[in-house]
Amino acid sequence: MITSIQNPLIKQIRKLHRAKGRREQNLLLLEGTHLVETACEQNCSLINLCYTEQWQARYPQLWENVSKQVNRAELVSVEVLGSMTTTVNPDGVVATAVFQPYSEEDIRDFRLGLIIERLQDPGNLGTIIRTAAATEIDGIWLSDDSVDIDNPKVLRASAGAWFQVPMFVSSDLKIVIEKYKNNGVNIVATLPNATQTYWHLQFTKPTLILLGNEGSGLSNSLVSLADDLVSIPLGQGVESLNVAIATALMLYEAKRQQIFK
C-alpha cells in the first residue's frame, strides 16, 4: 500500500490537477467510480489506477475489470487517495487515461452542433456535455479562452458523458462557423433581446447554435455571422437563464422537431 504523498506516482498524478500537468503528460484525471467505470466501458487507454481497500471491497468486479486495462494498479491509503483528488469527499478511486482528442473528420452527416464562446464555469460545461450526449448532437466547439475541456470538474459534471461527445477547441471560432455556413448549415445565435423565440425556429435542417459567456454573452463578431437570432422567453424581472439550462432548452427543442418532423 502506498502511504506517502511523496511517492513519485502520487506526485505525478497530483500534477494533473493543473492544466500544465495535463498538457505535459497528455493525461486525463478520472475521479470517482462512475467516471472510471465509464472510461473502462468506453475502452479508453487507461494508464494508472489508485484505489483504497474499502473501494476494492465494495466494487470487486469493477476493480478486476479496470485492473486488466491499466498499466499500473496501486492500493493507496485513504489519506493518499484524498490528496490525489479535487473533490471534498472522494469515493475511493482515481485513474488516469490518455487524452485522445476527436478529429472533425470523424463527423459524418452533420445535423446539430454547439459553438460556445468564453465559457468559464466547469460545472456549466459538464452539464452542457451531458445534455449534448443525451440529445445526440454531432459536436461542441469551444473558444480557446474557455474552461479547459479536460478540467477534472468538467469530467465529473458530465457524469460520464464526456467520452460520448466530440469536442474541439478553436483559436478562431469565426473560421469554424464560416466553414459550416458555407456548407449550408444554419447559424443560430441566442440573444436576450431577439424578437424570434427559439421554438419558432426550424431545427430540421443542419444547425449550429451559438452560445456565449455566462455574463457577457456572445461577441458581436460571432453574432454578425448568424442567420437567425433567437431568444428564450423569460418572466418579468428575470434577466437571464443559466447557460447550461438555455442550452438544454435549445437542444431538446431541436430533438423534438427532428423526432416529430
C-alpha atoms as a PDB file:
ATOM      1  CA  MET A   1       0.000   0.000   0.000  1.00  0.00           C
ATOM      2  CA  ILE A   2       1.253   3.486  -0.877  1.00  0.00           C
ATOM      3  CA  THR A   3       1.017   5.627   2.249  1.00  0.00           C
ATOM      4  CA  SER A   4       3.081   8.694   1.323  1.00  0.00           C
ATOM      5  CA  ILE A   5       2.046  11.615  -0.854  1.00  0.00           C
ATOM      6  CA  GLN A   6       5.736  11.955  -1.728  1.00  0.00           C
ATOM      7  CA  ASN A   7       5.586   8.739  -3.728  1.00  0.00           C
ATOM      8  CA  PRO A   8       6.625   9.544  -7.359  1.00  0.00           C
ATOM      9  CA  LEU A   9       3.394   8.130  -8.832  1.00  0.00           C
ATOM     10  CA  ILE A  10       1.245  10.132  -6.433  1.00  0.00           C
ATOM     11  CA  LYS A  11       3.170  13.330  -7.174  1.00  0.00           C
ATOM     12  CA  GLN A  12       2.786  12.678 -10.901  1.00  0.00           C
ATOM     13  CA  ILE A  13      -0.975  12.227 -10.635  1.00  0.00           C
ATOM     14  CA  ARG A  14      -1.359  15.275  -8.372  1.00  0.00           C
ATOM     15  CA  LYS A  15       0.130  17.379 -11.181  1.00  0.00           C
ATOM     16  CA  LEU A  16      -2.969  16.569 -13.245  1.00  0.00           C
ATOM     17  CA  HIS A  17      -4.954  18.972 -11.061  1.00  0.00           C
ATOM     18  CA  ARG A  18      -3.442  21.736 -13.200  1.00  0.00           C
ATOM     19  CA  ALA A  19      -3.717  22.309 -16.942  1.00  0.00           C
ATOM     20  CA  LYS A  20       0.080  22.454 -17.296  1.00  0.00           C
ATOM     21  CA  GLY A  21       0.451  18.976 -15.817  1.00  0.00           C
ATOM     22  CA  ARG A  22      -2.284  17.546 -18.013  1.00  0.00           C
ATOM     23  CA  ARG A  23      -0.655  19.016 -21.128  1.00  0.00           C
ATOM     24  CA  GLU A  24       2.814  17.752 -20.208  1.00  0.00           C
ATOM     25  CA  GLN A  25       1.573  14.213 -19.543  1.00  0.00           C
ATOM     26  CA  ASN A  26      -1.299  14.195 -22.068  1.00  0.00           C
ATOM     27  CA  LEU A  27      -3.452  12.526 -19.428  1.00  0.00           C
ATOM     28  CA  LEU A  28      -6.939  12.884 -18.012  1.00  0.00           C
ATOM     29  CA  LEU A  29      -7.648  12.667 -14.290  1.00  0.00           C
ATOM     30  CA  LEU A  30     -10.670  10.437 -13.653  1.00  0.00           C
ATOM     31  CA  GLU A  31     -12.084  10.820 -10.162  1.00  0.00           C
ATOM     32  CA  GLY A  32     -14.769   8.553  -8.796  1.00  0.00           C
ATOM     33  CA  THR A  33     -16.360   5.217  -9.556  1.00  0.00           C
ATOM     34  CA  HIS A  34     -18.749   6.357 -12.283  1.00  0.00           C
ATOM     35  CA  LEU A  35     -16.079   8.048 -14.403  1.00  0.00           C
ATOM     36  CA  VAL A  36     -13.665   5.154 -14.025  1.00  0.00           C
ATOM     37  CA  GLU A  37     -16.388   2.642 -14.900  1.00  0.00           C
ATOM     38  CA  THR A  38     -17.451   4.655 -17.963  1.00  0.00           C
ATOM     39  CA  ALA A  39     -13.854   5.005 -19.169  1.00  0.00           C
ATOM     40  CA  CYS A  40     -13.448   1.245 -18.815  1.00  0.00           C
ATOM     41  CA  GLU A  41     -16.648   0.594 -20.786  1.00  0.00           C
ATOM     42  CA  GLN A  42     -15.530   3.020 -23.500  1.00  0.00           C
ATOM     43  CA  ASN A  43     -12.191   1.181 -23.823  1.00  0.00           C
ATOM     44  CA  CYS A  44     -10.189   4.288 -23.055  1.00  0.00           C
ATOM     45  CA  SER A  45      -6.434   3.964 -22.832  1.00  0.00           C
ATOM     46  CA  LEU A  46      -6.244   3.737 -19.050  1.00  0.00           C
ATOM     47  CA  ILE A  47      -2.786   4.170 -17.549  1.00  0.00           C
ATOM     48  CA  ASN A  48      -2.942   4.191 -13.734  1.00  0.00           C
ATOM     49  CA  LEU A  49      -5.475   3.064 -11.148  1.00  0.00           C
ATOM     50  CA  CYS A  50      -5.245   4.041  -7.471  1.00  0.00           C
ATOM     51  CA  TYR A  51      -7.818   2.753  -5.003  1.00  0.00           C
ATOM     52  CA  THR A  52      -8.439   2.212  -1.314  1.00  0.00           C
ATOM     53  CA  GLU A  53      -9.133  -1.097   0.435  1.00  0.00           C
ATOM     54  CA  GLN A  54     -12.714  -0.016   1.066  1.00  0.00           C
ATOM     55  CA  TRP A  55     -13.296   0.746  -2.617  1.00  0.00           C
ATOM     56  CA  GLN A  56     -11.824  -2.580  -3.732  1.00  0.00           C
ATOM     57  CA  ALA A  57     -14.077  -4.442  -1.303  1.00  0.00           C
ATOM     58  CA  ARG A  58     -17.140  -2.523  -2.490  1.00  0.00           C
ATOM     59  CA  TYR A  59     -16.505  -2.893  -6.226  1.00  0.00           C
ATOM     60  CA  PRO A  60     -14.603  -6.177  -6.694  1.00  0.00           C
ATOM     61  CA  GLN A  61     -15.795  -6.802 -10.246  1.00  0.00           C
ATOM     62  CA  LEU A  62     -15.036  -3.262 -11.415  1.00  0.00           C
ATOM     63  CA  TRP A  63     -11.628  -3.446  -9.723  1.00  0.00           C
ATOM     64  CA  GLU A  64     -10.883  -6.652 -11.606  1.00  0.00           C
ATOM     65  CA  ASN A  65     -12.069  -5.242 -14.948  1.00  0.00           C
ATOM     66  CA  VAL A  66     -10.146  -1.978 -14.661  1.00  0.00           C
ATOM     67  CA  SER A  67      -7.013  -3.674 -13.337  1.00  0.00           C
ATOM     68  CA  LYS A  68      -6.834  -5.690 -16.559  1.00  0.00           C
ATOM     69  CA  GLN A  69      -6.854  -2.499 -18.647  1.00  0.00           C
ATOM     70  CA  VAL A  70      -4.399  -0.271 -16.795  1.00  0.00           C
ATOM     71  CA  ASN A  71      -0.620  -0.297 -16.963  1.00  0.00           C
ATOM     72  CA  ARG A  72      -0.342   0.019 -13.208  1.00  0.00           C
ATOM     73  CA  ALA A  73      -2.757  -0.520 -10.318  1.00  0.00           C
ATOM     74  CA  GLU A  74      -1.875   0.549  -6.784  1.00  0.00           C
ATOM     75  CA  LEU A  75      -3.561   0.218  -3.416  1.00  0.00           C
ATOM     76  CA  VAL A  76      -3.286   3.519  -1.527  1.00  0.00           C
ATOM     77  CA  SER A  77      -4.267   4.805   1.888  1.00  0.00           C
ATOM     78  CA  VAL A  78      -7.386   6.918   2.338  1.00  0.00           C
ATOM     79  CA  GLU A  79      -5.191   9.954   3.062  1.00  0.00           C
ATOM     80  CA  VAL A  80      -3.132   9.486  -0.096  1.00  0.00           C
ATOM     81  CA  LEU A  81      -6.254   8.979  -2.206  1.00  0.00           C
ATOM     82  CA  GLY A  82      -7.680  12.214  -0.799  1.00  0.00           C
ATOM     83  CA  SER A  83      -4.548  14.125  -1.780  1.00  0.00           C
ATOM     84  CA  MET A  84      -4.913  12.972  -5.391  1.00  0.00           C
ATOM     85  CA  THR A  85      -8.436  14.245  -5.945  1.00  0.00           C
ATOM     86  CA  THR A  86     -10.023  17.652  -6.418  1.00  0.00           C
ATOM     87  CA  THR A  87     -13.190  16.573  -4.603  1.00  0.00           C
ATOM     88  CA  VAL A  88     -14.002  17.134  -0.933  1.00  0.00           C
ATOM     89  CA  ASN A  89     -15.296  13.605  -0.312  1.00  0.00           C
ATOM     90  CA  PRO A  90     -13.679  11.205  -2.816  1.00  0.00           C
ATOM     91  CA  ASP A  91     -15.264   7.777  -3.076  1.00  0.00           C
ATOM     92  CA  GLY A  92     -12.033   5.798  -3.082  1.00  0.00           C
ATOM     93  CA  VAL A  93     -10.727   5.574  -6.640  1.00  0.00           C
ATOM     94  CA  VAL A  94      -8.718   7.634  -9.115  1.00  0.00           C
ATOM     95  CA  ALA A  95      -7.496   6.682 -12.574  1.00  0.00           C
ATOM     96  CA  THR A  96      -5.587   8.335 -15.381  1.00  0.00           C
ATOM     97  CA  ALA A  97      -6.233   7.906 -19.084  1.00  0.00           C
ATOM     98  CA  VAL A  98      -4.638   9.105 -22.298  1.00  0.00           C
ATOM     99  CA  PHE A  99      -6.306  12.228 -23.690  1.00  0.00           C
ATOM    100  CA  GLN A 100      -7.343  11.271 -27.211  1.00  0.00           C
ATOM    101  CA  PRO A 101      -8.963  14.262 -28.950  1.00  0.00           C
ATOM    102  CA  TYR A 102     -11.503  13.811 -31.706  1.00  0.00           C
ATOM    103  CA  SER A 103     -10.890  14.822 -35.294  1.00  0.00           C
ATOM    104  CA  GLU A 104     -13.500  16.813 -37.215  1.00  0.00           C
ATOM    105  CA  GLU A 105     -13.121  14.200 -39.922  1.00  0.00           C
ATOM    106  CA  ASP A 106     -14.928  11.830 -37.545  1.00  0.00           C
ATOM    107  CA  ILE A 107     -18.147  13.841 -38.033  1.00  0.00           C
ATOM    108  CA  ARG A 108     -20.386  12.481 -40.766  1.00  0.00           C
ATOM    109  CA  ASP A 109     -23.770  13.814 -41.917  1.00  0.00           C
ATOM    110  CA  PHE A 110     -23.690  16.874 -39.651  1.00  0.00           C
ATOM    111  CA  ARG A 111     -27.106  17.788 -38.208  1.00  0.00           C
ATOM    112  CA  LEU A 112     -26.627  19.752 -35.000  1.00  0.00           C
ATOM    113  CA  GLY A 113     -23.739  21.294 -33.080  1.00  0.00           C
ATOM    114  CA  LEU A 114     -22.811  23.898 -30.490  1.00  0.00           C
ATOM    115  CA  ILE A 115     -20.407  26.806 -30.676  1.00  0.00           C
ATOM    116  CA  ILE A 116     -19.517  28.054 -27.191  1.00  0.00           C
ATOM    117  CA  GLU A 117     -17.577  31.260 -26.656  1.00  0.00           C
ATOM    118  CA  ARG A 118     -15.627  32.090 -23.483  1.00  0.00           C
ATOM    119  CA  LEU A 119     -17.487  29.682 -21.184  1.00  0.00           C
ATOM    120  CA  GLN A 120     -15.815  29.812 -17.759  1.00  0.00           C
ATOM    121  CA  ASP A 121     -17.635  27.552 -15.328  1.00  0.00           C
ATOM    122  CA  PRO A 122     -16.604  23.849 -15.427  1.00  0.00           C
ATOM    123  CA  GLY A 123     -19.943  22.787 -13.963  1.00  0.00           C
ATOM    124  CA  ASN A 124     -21.790  24.524 -16.792  1.00  0.00           C
ATOM    125  CA  LEU A 125     -19.630  22.869 -19.432  1.00  0.00           C
ATOM    126  CA  GLY A 126     -20.021  19.444 -17.848  1.00  0.00           C
ATOM    127  CA  THR A 127     -23.797  19.848 -17.752  1.00  0.00           C
ATOM    128  CA  ILE A 128     -23.835  21.006 -21.378  1.00  0.00           C
ATOM    129  CA  ILE A 129     -21.807  17.958 -22.403  1.00  0.00           C
ATOM    130  CA  ARG A 130     -24.238  15.704 -20.549  1.00  0.00           C
ATOM    131  CA  THR A 131     -27.195  17.277 -22.373  1.00  0.00           C
ATOM    132  CA  ALA A 132     -25.352  17.143 -25.700  1.00  0.00           C
ATOM    133  CA  ALA A 133     -24.815  13.404 -25.274  1.00  0.00           C
ATOM    134  CA  ALA A 134     -28.465  12.884 -24.312  1.00  0.00           C
ATOM    135  CA  THR A 135     -29.658  14.701 -27.443  1.00  0.00           C
ATOM    136  CA  GLU A 136     -27.005  13.060 -29.661  1.00  0.00           C
ATOM    137  CA  ILE A 137     -25.546  16.185 -31.201  1.00  0.00           C
ATOM    138  CA  ASP A 138     -22.583  15.962 -33.547  1.00  0.00           C
ATOM    139  CA  GLY A 139     -20.052  18.164 -31.796  1.00  0.00           C
ATOM    140  CA  ILE A 140     -19.130  21.032 -29.499  1.00  0.00           C
ATOM    141  CA  TRP A 141     -16.642  23.737 -30.468  1.00  0.00           C
ATOM    142  CA  LEU A 142     -15.221  25.955 -27.714  1.00  0.00           C
ATOM    143  CA  SER A 143     -13.075  29.058 -27.909  1.00  0.00           C
ATOM    144  CA  ASP A 144      -9.597  28.528 -26.504  1.00  0.00           C
ATOM    145  CA  ASP A 145     -10.256  31.093 -23.759  1.00  0.00           C
ATOM    146  CA  SER A 146     -13.000  28.874 -22.308  1.00  0.00           C
ATOM    147  CA  VAL A 147     -12.595  26.491 -19.380  1.00  0.00           C
ATOM    148  CA  ASP A 148     -10.381  23.519 -20.298  1.00  0.00           C
ATOM    149  CA  ILE A 149     -12.389  20.598 -21.633  1.00  0.00           C
ATOM    150  CA  ASP A 150     -10.147  18.210 -19.658  1.00  0.00           C
ATOM    151  CA  ASN A 151     -10.638  20.050 -16.363  1.00  0.00           C
ATOM    152  CA  PRO A 152     -11.419  17.325 -13.769  1.00  0.00           C
ATOM    153  CA  LYS A 153     -14.507  19.255 -12.651  1.00  0.00           C
ATOM    154  CA  VAL A 154     -15.804  19.230 -16.236  1.00  0.00           C
ATOM    155  CA  LEU A 155     -15.382  15.465 -16.441  1.00  0.00           C
ATOM    156  CA  ARG A 156     -17.163  14.938 -13.135  1.00  0.00           C
ATOM    157  CA  ALA A 157     -20.048  17.273 -14.028  1.00  0.00           C
ATOM    158  CA  SER A 158     -20.537  15.448 -17.331  1.00  0.00           C
ATOM    159  CA  ALA A 159     -21.397  12.260 -15.386  1.00  0.00           C
ATOM    160  CA  GLY A 160     -19.504  10.102 -17.873  1.00  0.00           C
ATOM    161  CA  ALA A 161     -20.989  11.715 -20.986  1.00  0.00           C
ATOM    162  CA  TRP A 162     -17.609  13.381 -21.652  1.00  0.00           C
ATOM    163  CA  PHE A 163     -16.493  10.299 -23.590  1.00  0.00           C
ATOM    164  CA  GLN A 164     -19.506  10.364 -25.923  1.00  0.00           C
ATOM    165  CA  VAL A 165     -19.427  13.868 -27.429  1.00  0.00           C
ATOM    166  CA  PRO A 166     -16.846  15.086 -29.968  1.00  0.00           C
ATOM    167  CA  MET A 167     -15.308  18.305 -28.625  1.00  0.00           C
ATOM    168  CA  PHE A 168     -12.927  20.719 -30.277  1.00  0.00           C
ATOM    169  CA  VAL A 169     -11.053  23.798 -29.078  1.00  0.00           C
ATOM    170  CA  SER A 170     -10.556  26.623 -31.583  1.00  0.00           C
ATOM    171  CA  SER A 171      -8.470  29.767 -31.531  1.00  0.00           C
ATOM    172  CA  ASP A 172     -10.840  31.304 -34.098  1.00  0.00           C
ATOM    173  CA  LEU A 173     -14.492  30.279 -33.921  1.00  0.00           C
ATOM    174  CA  LYS A 174     -15.317  32.565 -36.842  1.00  0.00           C
ATOM    175  CA  ILE A 175     -13.418  30.240 -39.172  1.00  0.00           C
ATOM    176  CA  VAL A 176     -15.346  27.236 -37.852  1.00  0.00           C
ATOM    177  CA  ILE A 177     -18.684  28.992 -38.251  1.00  0.00           C
ATOM    178  CA  GLU A 178     -17.910  30.257 -41.744  1.00  0.00           C
ATOM    179  CA  LYS A 179     -16.868  26.777 -42.882  1.00  0.00           C
ATOM    180  CA  TYR A 180     -20.162  25.255 -41.812  1.00  0.00           C
ATOM    181  CA  LYS A 181     -22.166  28.245 -43.051  1.00  0.00           C
ATOM    182  CA  ASN A 182     -20.604  27.880 -46.495  1.00  0.00           C
ATOM    183  CA  ASN A 183     -21.747  24.253 -46.463  1.00  0.00           C
ATOM    184  CA  GLY A 184     -25.376  25.237 -45.938  1.00  0.00           C
ATOM    185  CA  VAL A 185     -25.566  24.911 -42.155  1.00  0.00           C
ATOM    186  CA  ASN A 186     -27.942  27.363 -40.472  1.00  0.00           C
ATOM    187  CA  ILE A 187     -26.229  29.530 -37.850  1.00  0.00           C
ATOM    188  CA  VAL A 188     -28.356  30.460 -34.817  1.00  0.00           C
ATOM    189  CA  ALA A 189     -27.318  32.972 -32.154  1.00  0.00           C
ATOM    190  CA  THR A 190     -29.038  33.223 -28.778  1.00  0.00           C
ATOM    191  CA  LEU A 191     -29.665  36.814 -27.694  1.00  0.00           C
ATOM    192  CA  PRO A 192     -31.835  38.104 -24.842  1.00  0.00           C
ATOM    193  CA  ASN A 193     -33.394  40.862 -26.977  1.00  0.00           C
ATOM    194  CA  ALA A 194     -34.093  38.838 -30.143  1.00  0.00           C
ATOM    195  CA  THR A 195     -37.714  39.098 -31.275  1.00  0.00           C
ATOM    196  CA  GLN A 196     -37.969  35.494 -32.512  1.00  0.00           C
ATOM    197  CA  THR A 197     -38.300  32.829 -29.808  1.00  0.00           C
ATOM    198  CA  TYR A 198     -36.338  29.603 -30.123  1.00  0.00           C
ATOM    199  CA  TRP A 199     -39.429  27.410 -30.512  1.00  0.00           C
ATOM    200  CA  HIS A 200     -40.386  29.201 -33.744  1.00  0.00           C
ATOM    201  CA  LEU A 201     -37.080  28.205 -35.340  1.00  0.00           C
ATOM    202  CA  GLN A 202     -36.835  25.318 -37.778  1.00  0.00           C
ATOM    203  CA  PHE A 203     -34.212  22.905 -36.437  1.00  0.00           C
ATOM    204  CA  THR A 204     -34.960  20.231 -39.022  1.00  0.00           C
ATOM    205  CA  LYS A 205     -32.100  21.453 -41.225  1.00  0.00           C
ATOM    206  CA  PRO A 206     -28.419  21.251 -40.154  1.00  0.00           C
ATOM    207  CA  THR A 207     -27.859  23.879 -37.445  1.00  0.00           C
ATOM    208  CA  LEU A 208     -25.061  25.354 -35.368  1.00  0.00           C
ATOM    209  CA  ILE A 209     -26.214  27.036 -32.142  1.00  0.00           C
ATOM    210  CA  LEU A 210     -24.014  29.835 -30.799  1.00  0.00           C
ATOM    211  CA  LEU A 211     -23.805  30.393 -27.042  1.00  0.00           C
ATOM    212  CA  GLY A 212     -21.745  32.923 -25.125  1.00  0.00           C
ATOM    213  CA  ASN A 213     -20.089  33.720 -21.838  1.00  0.00           C
ATOM    214  CA  GLU A 214     -22.149  33.360 -18.652  1.00  0.00           C
ATOM    215  CA  GLY A 215     -22.091  37.113 -18.001  1.00  0.00           C
ATOM    216  CA  SER A 216     -21.440  38.977 -21.244  1.00  0.00           C
ATOM    217  CA  GLY A 217     -22.957  36.591 -23.777  1.00  0.00           C
ATOM    218  CA  LEU A 218     -21.827  36.342 -27.388  1.00  0.00           C
ATOM    219  CA  SER A 219     -19.362  38.727 -29.006  1.00  0.00           C
ATOM    220  CA  ASN A 220     -20.641  40.947 -31.812  1.00  0.00           C
ATOM    221  CA  SER A 221     -18.248  39.310 -34.258  1.00  0.00           C
ATOM    222  CA  LEU A 222     -19.975  35.949 -33.841  1.00  0.00           C
ATOM    223  CA  VAL A 223     -23.485  37.406 -33.722  1.00  0.00           C
ATOM    224  CA  SER A 224     -22.825  39.044 -37.097  1.00  0.00           C
ATOM    225  CA  LEU A 225     -22.395  35.589 -38.670  1.00  0.00           C
ATOM    226  CA  ALA A 226     -25.805  34.300 -37.542  1.00  0.00           C
ATOM    227  CA  ASP A 227     -28.628  33.576 -39.960  1.00  0.00           C
ATOM    228  CA  ASP A 228     -31.191  33.629 -37.146  1.00  0.00           C
ATOM    229  CA  LEU A 229     -31.319  35.424 -33.797  1.00  0.00           C
ATOM    230  CA  VAL A 230     -33.483  33.808 -31.137  1.00  0.00           C
ATOM    231  CA  SER A 231     -34.394  34.428 -27.523  1.00  0.00           C
ATOM    232  CA  ILE A 232     -35.766  32.320 -24.684  1.00  0.00           C
ATOM    233  CA  PRO A 233     -38.879  33.932 -23.152  1.00  0.00           C
ATOM    234  CA  LEU A 234     -38.419  34.949 -19.516  1.00  0.00           C
ATOM    235  CA  GLY A 235     -40.823  36.050 -16.834  1.00  0.00           C
ATOM    236  CA  GLN A 236     -40.936  39.654 -15.692  1.00  0.00           C
ATOM    237  CA  GLY A 237     -37.963  40.603 -13.553  1.00  0.00           C
ATOM    238  CA  VAL A 238     -35.808  37.673 -14.731  1.00  0.00           C
ATOM    239  CA  GLU A 239     -32.758  38.850 -16.652  1.00  0.00           C
ATOM    240  CA  SER A 240     -31.302  35.580 -17.914  1.00  0.00           C
ATOM    241  CA  LEU A 241     -31.092  31.809 -17.630  1.00  0.00           C
ATOM    242  CA  ASN A 242     -28.093  29.728 -16.689  1.00  0.00           C
ATOM    243  CA  VAL A 243     -26.234  28.928 -19.920  1.00  0.00           C
ATOM    244  CA  ALA A 244     -26.499  25.164 -19.359  1.00  0.00           C
ATOM    245  CA  ILE A 245     -30.271  25.437 -18.904  1.00  0.00           C
ATOM    246  CA  ALA A 246     -30.568  27.599 -22.026  1.00  0.00           C
ATOM    247  CA  THR A 247     -28.556  25.030 -23.965  1.00  0.00           C
ATOM    248  CA  ALA A 248     -30.792  22.202 -22.782  1.00  0.00           C
ATOM    249  CA  LEU A 249     -33.937  24.022 -23.915  1.00  0.00           C
ATOM    250  CA  MET A 250     -32.489  24.650 -27.371  1.00  0.00           C
ATOM    251  CA  LEU A 251     -31.159  21.128 -27.844  1.00  0.00           C
ATOM    252  CA  TYR A 252     -34.337  19.435 -26.726  1.00  0.00           C
ATOM    253  CA  GLU A 253     -36.453  21.625 -28.985  1.00  0.00           C
ATOM    254  CA  ALA A 254     -34.194  20.571 -31.852  1.00  0.00           C
ATOM    255  CA  LYS A 255     -34.521  16.939 -30.794  1.00  0.00           C
ATOM    256  CA  ARG A 256     -38.315  17.240 -30.595  1.00  0.00           C
ATOM    257  CA  GLN A 257     -38.522  18.681 -34.109  1.00  0.00           C
ATOM    258  CA  GLN A 258     -36.244  16.008 -35.532  1.00  0.00           C
ATOM    259  CA  ILE A 259     -38.312  13.231 -33.973  1.00  0.00           C
ATOM    260  CA  PHE A 260     -41.724  14.601 -34.985  1.00  0.00           C
ATOM    261  CA  LYS A 261     -40.917  16.206 -38.320  1.00  0.00           C
END
